[in-house]
Amino acid sequence: MRMRLCSFCVKSGILCQKCQEKIRTGDISETYMRVAKILIKLEEKYSSIQKIVLNNVYNVDNIIALAVGNGDASRLLALRGQILRDISKSIGKRIRIFEESGDVRMFLEDLFMPTKILAINTIWIPDGSTETRVVIPGRQRRLFMSNDVLKELAEKIRGMTLRITFEEQEERYYS
């Protein structure tokens, strides 16, 4: 497994000067260290983990979001999600996986999964910034995560500001 810290440092818990600097500056979080340690232990049990790239780990509310390399999400989802269940059990929080490289639509579909997305629009704000509007079908219903958690994850992972709207589908009766 490739990660942003030395594997020896993660295994031993004693950090070299480079790894200490990454943690001191906030480039790497304590949650990243915990997840990396768990993944290294699971490498012995699941060989598919050996090929993944762990780019970053985000802790939002009761969710741990793993940002992995391109194509690595399928490796972590192998064995009908057993690897994710093992990580979740070790940490005590729900786990979500996101591939850092990829288009915006793919990222948002992963973020809102299993809810279907009807449309994605870019809203240009007069001050020069942008917001991404995501349209979800139906009335406001229970999403996998709260709107605030979804917005915070999008901000932390991709630096995007989300606006979530629901399209109410009205039934019309013609007589």
Protein backbone atom coordinates (compact mmCIF):
# COMPACT_ATOMS: atom_id res chain seq x y z
CA MET A 1 0.00 0.00 0.00
CA ARG A 2 1.24 3.46 -0.86
CA MET A 3 0.55 6.28 1.56
CA ARG A 4 1.80 9.69 2.51
CA LEU A 5 3.72 8.42 5.54
CA CYS A 6 6.54 5.89 5.83
CA SER A 7 5.12 2.41 6.39
CA PHE A 8 7.74 1.82 9.10
CA CYS A 9 6.56 4.92 10.98
CA VAL A 10 2.93 3.81 10.79
CA LYS A 11 3.72 0.24 11.89
CA SER A 12 5.99 1.24 14.78
CA GLY A 13 4.20 4.38 15.91
CA ILE A 14 7.57 6.14 16.14
CA LEU A 15 7.70 8.87 13.52
CA CYS A 16 10.71 9.99 11.52
CA GLN A 17 11.42 13.69 11.08
CA LYS A 18 9.54 13.94 7.74
CA CYS A 19 6.41 12.24 9.11
CA GLN A 20 6.50 14.32 12.30
CA GLU A 21 6.61 17.48 10.18
CA LYS A 22 3.58 16.35 8.12
CA ILE A 23 1.56 15.82 11.29
CA ARG A 24 2.81 19.01 12.96
CA THR A 25 1.80 21.16 9.97
CA GLY A 26 -1.62 19.48 9.78
CA ASP A 27 -0.93 17.95 6.36
CA ILE A 28 -1.68 14.52 7.86
CA SER A 29 -4.31 13.98 10.55
CA GLU A 30 -4.37 11.55 13.46
CA THR A 31 -7.31 9.84 11.73
CA TYR A 32 -5.09 9.23 8.70
CA MET A 33 -2.56 7.53 10.99
CA ARG A 34 -5.24 5.31 12.56
CA VAL A 35 -6.70 4.27 9.20
CA ALA A 36 -3.25 3.64 7.69
CA LYS A 37 -2.34 1.43 10.64
CA ILE A 38 -5.58 -0.55 10.26
CA LEU A 39 -5.04 -0.96 6.52
CA ILE A 40 -1.48 -2.20 7.05
CA LYS A 41 -2.78 -4.84 9.46
CA LEU A 42 -5.51 -5.84 6.99
CA GLU A 43 -2.95 -6.20 4.17
CA GLU A 44 -2.01 -9.60 5.57
CA LYS A 45 -5.61 -10.77 5.37
CA TYR A 46 -6.63 -9.09 2.10
CA SER A 47 -4.00 -8.97 -0.63
CA SER A 48 -6.01 -6.49 -2.75
CA ILE A 49 -5.15 -3.72 -0.24
CA GLN A 50 -1.46 -3.97 -1.15
CA LYS A 51 -2.05 -2.11 -4.44
CA ILE A 52 -4.12 0.84 -3.19
CA VAL A 53 -2.98 4.44 -2.76
CA LEU A 54 -4.30 6.16 0.37
CA ASN A 55 -4.22 9.87 -0.48
CA ASN A 56 -6.11 11.33 2.47
CA VAL A 57 -8.61 10.60 5.23
CA TYR A 58 -11.35 13.03 6.28
CA ASN A 59 -13.29 12.83 9.54
CA VAL A 60 -16.70 14.50 9.39
CA ASP A 61 -19.34 13.87 12.03
CA ASN A 62 -19.76 10.07 12.22
CA ILE A 63 -18.23 9.43 8.79
CA ILE A 64 -14.66 8.61 7.78
CA ALA A 65 -14.04 9.41 4.11
CA LEU A 66 -11.11 7.70 2.43
CA ALA A 67 -9.68 9.47 -0.62
CA VAL A 68 -7.93 6.78 -2.65
CA GLY A 69 -6.18 6.64 -6.01
CA ASN A 70 -7.87 6.10 -9.35
CA GLY A 71 -9.41 2.59 -9.54
CA ASP A 72 -8.69 1.77 -5.89
CA ALA A 73 -12.29 2.08 -4.68
CA SER A 74 -13.16 -1.25 -6.31
CA ARG A 75 -10.26 -2.93 -4.49
CA LEU A 76 -11.60 -1.73 -1.14
CA LEU A 77 -15.15 -2.76 -2.07
CA ALA A 78 -14.01 -6.28 -2.95
CA LEU A 79 -15.30 -9.30 -1.07
CA ARG A 80 -18.78 -7.76 -0.82
CA GLY A 81 -17.57 -4.91 1.36
CA GLN A 82 -15.86 -7.04 4.01
CA ILE A 83 -12.75 -4.84 3.99
CA LEU A 84 -14.84 -1.73 4.69
CA ARG A 85 -16.75 -3.51 7.44
CA ASP A 86 -13.46 -4.46 9.09
CA ILE A 87 -12.20 -0.87 8.92
CA SER A 88 -15.52 0.47 10.20
CA LYS A 89 -15.54 -2.00 13.08
CA SER A 90 -11.99 -1.02 14.08
CA ILE A 91 -12.70 2.72 14.01
CA GLY A 92 -16.33 2.68 15.14
CA LYS A 93 -17.58 4.98 12.37
CA ARG A 94 -19.11 4.57 8.92
CA ILE A 95 -16.70 4.54 5.99
CA ARG A 96 -17.10 6.17 2.57
CA ILE A 97 -14.66 5.84 -0.32
CA PHE A 98 -13.88 8.50 -2.93
CA GLU A 99 -11.45 8.39 -5.80
CA GLU A 100 -9.56 11.68 -5.84
CA SER A 101 -8.90 11.63 -9.54
CA GLY A 102 -12.05 11.63 -11.59
CA ASP A 103 -14.67 13.98 -12.84
CA VAL A 104 -17.04 16.00 -10.67
CA ARG A 105 -20.10 13.94 -11.62
CA MET A 106 -18.44 10.69 -10.55
CA PHE A 107 -17.40 12.25 -7.24
CA LEU A 108 -20.91 13.55 -6.55
CA GLU A 109 -22.51 10.22 -7.47
CA ASP A 110 -20.18 8.51 -4.99
CA LEU A 111 -21.00 11.15 -2.38
CA PHE A 112 -24.78 10.82 -2.74
CA MET A 113 -24.84 7.05 -3.28
CA PRO A 114 -27.34 5.27 -3.19
CA THR A 115 -29.49 8.31 -4.04
CA LYS A 116 -29.79 9.08 -7.74
CA ILE A 117 -28.78 12.54 -9.00
CA LEU A 118 -31.04 14.19 -11.59
CA ALA A 119 -28.86 17.15 -12.50
CA ILE A 120 -25.66 18.94 -11.60
CA ASN A 121 -25.38 22.65 -12.35
CA THR A 122 -22.72 25.26 -11.76
CA ILE A 123 -23.97 28.52 -10.29
CA TRP A 124 -21.75 31.54 -10.86
CA ILE A 125 -21.84 33.97 -7.94
CA PRO A 126 -21.25 37.72 -8.64
CA ASP A 127 -18.12 37.75 -6.46
CA GLY A 128 -16.46 35.32 -8.87
CA SER A 129 -16.94 32.14 -6.85
CA THR A 130 -19.04 29.17 -7.91
CA GLU A 131 -21.47 26.79 -6.25
CA THR A 132 -22.41 23.36 -7.47
CA ARG A 133 -26.14 22.67 -7.38
CA VAL A 134 -27.18 19.03 -7.10
CA VAL A 135 -30.80 18.17 -7.90
CA ILE A 136 -32.20 15.07 -6.21
CA PRO A 137 -35.50 13.50 -7.37
CA GLY A 138 -38.61 13.56 -5.20
CA ARG A 139 -39.39 15.48 -2.08
CA GLN A 140 -36.81 16.02 0.60
CA ARG A 141 -36.29 12.54 1.86
CA ARG A 142 -33.80 10.85 4.05
CA LEU A 143 -30.38 10.81 2.45
CA PHE A 144 -27.58 8.50 3.53
CA MET A 145 -26.05 11.48 5.35
CA SER A 146 -27.37 14.85 6.46
CA ASN A 147 -27.13 17.81 4.09
CA ASP A 148 -24.55 19.47 6.34
CA VAL A 149 -22.27 16.40 6.31
CA LEU A 150 -22.58 16.12 2.52
CA LYS A 151 -21.67 19.78 2.09
CA GLU A 152 -18.73 19.55 4.49
CA LEU A 153 -17.35 16.42 2.77
CA ALA A 154 -17.57 18.10 -0.65
CA GLU A 155 -15.79 21.15 0.74
CA LYS A 156 -12.99 19.15 2.38
CA ILE A 157 -12.40 16.63 -0.41
CA ARG A 158 -12.87 18.73 -3.55
CA GLY A 159 -13.09 22.32 -2.27
CA MET A 160 -16.55 22.73 -3.77
CA THR A 161 -19.53 24.54 -2.29
CA LEU A 162 -22.70 22.47 -2.64
CA ARG A 163 -26.30 23.56 -2.88
CA ILE A 164 -28.67 20.60 -2.57
CA THR A 165 -32.19 20.92 -3.98
CA PHE A 166 -35.02 18.43 -4.29
CA GLU A 167 -37.30 18.24 -7.30
CA GLU A 168 -40.83 17.64 -6.17
CA GLN A 169 -42.60 15.44 -8.64
CA GLU A 170 -46.25 16.28 -8.67
CA GLU A 171 -48.74 13.70 -9.77
CA ARG A 172 -51.23 15.12 -12.20
CA TYR A 173 -54.51 13.49 -12.87
CA TYR A 174 -56.24 14.13 -16.13
CA SER A 175 -59.87 13.35 -16.48
